[in-house]
Amino acid sequence: MYATQALTQLVPLAADDLDTNKVTPGVLGFLVFAALAVGTWFLMKSMNRHMGKVDFKETPDPAAEPRGAEGKAEATASKAGASKAGTPKAGASGKG
């Protein structure tokens, strides 16, 4: 006898006791929901632990550095001039 045949034999028995106005998930529904909640909690705890181990240091993008006709020498000189002055250049502030 297959499982589906066994279930079809039990359906008429359940129909007698079934109140169509009051259907609840019952204990099995609660246990499944609780298991999903506990599993999600453990996954979040594990994710937080793994994210805490990540040490991300962003390296500067070499393509983003401004280059003049002389290449890196001009970019280095302009950075040194800006740090000596203590304020950004007038063109860098966005005001023309």
Protein backbone atom coordinates (compact mmCIF):
# COMPACT_ATOMS: atom_id res chain seq x y z
CA MET A 1 0.00 0.00 0.00
CA TYR A 2 1.37 3.42 -1.00
CA ALA A 3 1.45 6.43 1.28
CA THR A 4 -1.05 8.32 -0.85
CA GLN A 5 -3.51 5.48 -0.60
CA ALA A 6 -3.11 5.46 3.18
CA LEU A 7 -3.77 9.20 3.33
CA THR A 8 -6.88 8.93 1.21
CA GLN A 9 -8.21 6.40 3.71
CA LEU A 10 -7.62 8.88 6.58
CA VAL A 11 -9.16 11.97 4.94
CA PRO A 12 -12.78 10.96 5.58
CA LEU A 13 -11.93 10.37 9.25
CA ALA A 14 -10.46 13.86 9.60
CA ALA A 15 -13.41 15.50 7.83
CA ASP A 16 -15.77 14.48 10.63
CA ASP A 17 -13.79 16.29 13.33
CA LEU A 18 -12.72 19.29 11.23
CA ASP A 19 -14.33 22.59 12.15
CA THR A 20 -14.09 24.82 9.06
CA ASN A 21 -14.41 27.98 11.20
CA LYS A 22 -11.47 27.12 13.46
CA VAL A 23 -8.37 25.82 11.71
CA THR A 24 -5.01 26.35 13.42
CA PRO A 25 -1.50 25.22 12.52
CA GLY A 26 -1.25 23.24 15.73
CA VAL A 27 1.83 21.98 17.51
CA LEU A 28 3.58 20.82 14.35
CA GLY A 29 3.26 24.27 12.80
CA PHE A 30 4.69 25.86 15.93
CA LEU A 31 7.61 23.43 16.01
CA VAL A 32 8.46 24.08 12.35
CA PHE A 33 8.28 27.85 12.88
CA ALA A 34 10.43 27.62 16.03
CA ALA A 35 13.01 25.49 14.21
CA LEU A 36 13.20 28.04 11.38
CA ALA A 37 13.59 30.88 13.88
CA VAL A 38 16.37 29.10 15.79
CA GLY A 39 18.13 28.21 12.53
CA THR A 40 17.97 31.83 11.36
CA TRP A 41 19.37 33.01 14.69
CA PHE A 42 22.33 30.62 14.41
CA LEU A 43 22.98 31.70 10.81
CA MET A 44 22.97 35.38 11.80
CA LYS A 45 25.31 34.69 14.72
CA SER A 46 27.69 32.81 12.41
CA MET A 47 27.54 35.59 9.81
CA ASN A 48 28.41 38.23 12.42
CA ARG A 49 31.37 36.14 13.58
CA HIS A 50 32.65 35.71 10.02
CA MET A 51 32.16 39.38 9.17
CA GLY A 52 34.16 40.32 12.27
CA LYS A 53 37.13 38.37 10.90
CA VAL A 54 37.18 40.37 7.66
CA ASP A 55 40.02 42.89 7.55
CA PHE A 56 39.36 45.10 4.55
CA LYS A 57 41.85 47.79 3.66
CA GLU A 58 41.14 49.56 0.41
CA THR A 59 44.15 50.30 -1.74
CA PRO A 60 44.11 53.49 -3.76
CA ASP A 61 43.11 53.07 -7.36
CA PRO A 62 46.08 53.98 -9.58
CA ALA A 63 43.77 55.00 -12.42
CA ALA A 64 42.05 57.57 -10.20
CA GLU A 65 45.23 59.58 -9.54
CA PRO A 66 45.58 62.69 -11.68
CA ARG A 67 48.53 62.50 -14.08
CA GLY A 68 50.03 65.39 -15.96
CA ALA A 69 52.51 65.42 -18.83
CA GLU A 70 55.30 64.29 -16.51
CA GLY A 71 53.41 61.38 -14.99
CA LYS A 72 53.77 60.60 -11.28
CA ALA A 73 56.26 63.36 -10.53
CA GLU A 74 53.66 66.07 -11.06
CA ALA A 75 51.02 64.23 -9.02
CA THR A 76 53.49 63.80 -6.14
CA ALA A 77 54.52 67.45 -6.30
CA SER A 78 50.92 68.65 -6.27
CA LYS A 79 50.17 66.50 -3.24
CA ALA A 80 53.21 67.85 -1.41
CA GLY A 81 52.20 71.45 -2.24
CA ALA A 82 48.67 70.90 -0.97
CA SER A 83 49.89 69.41 2.30
CA LYS A 84 52.29 72.34 2.90
CA ALA A 85 49.60 74.92 2.31
CA GLY A 86 47.20 73.19 4.67
CA THR A 87 44.21 74.02 2.48
CA PRO A 88 43.07 72.55 -0.80
CA LYS A 89 43.71 74.46 -3.99
CA ALA A 90 41.04 76.86 -5.24
CA GLY A 91 40.16 74.57 -8.16
CA ALA A 92 39.69 71.56 -5.90
CA SER A 93 37.01 73.23 -3.76
CA GLY A 94 34.51 73.24 -6.62
CA LYS A 95 34.28 77.05 -6.69
CA GLY A 96 35.50 78.56 -9.98
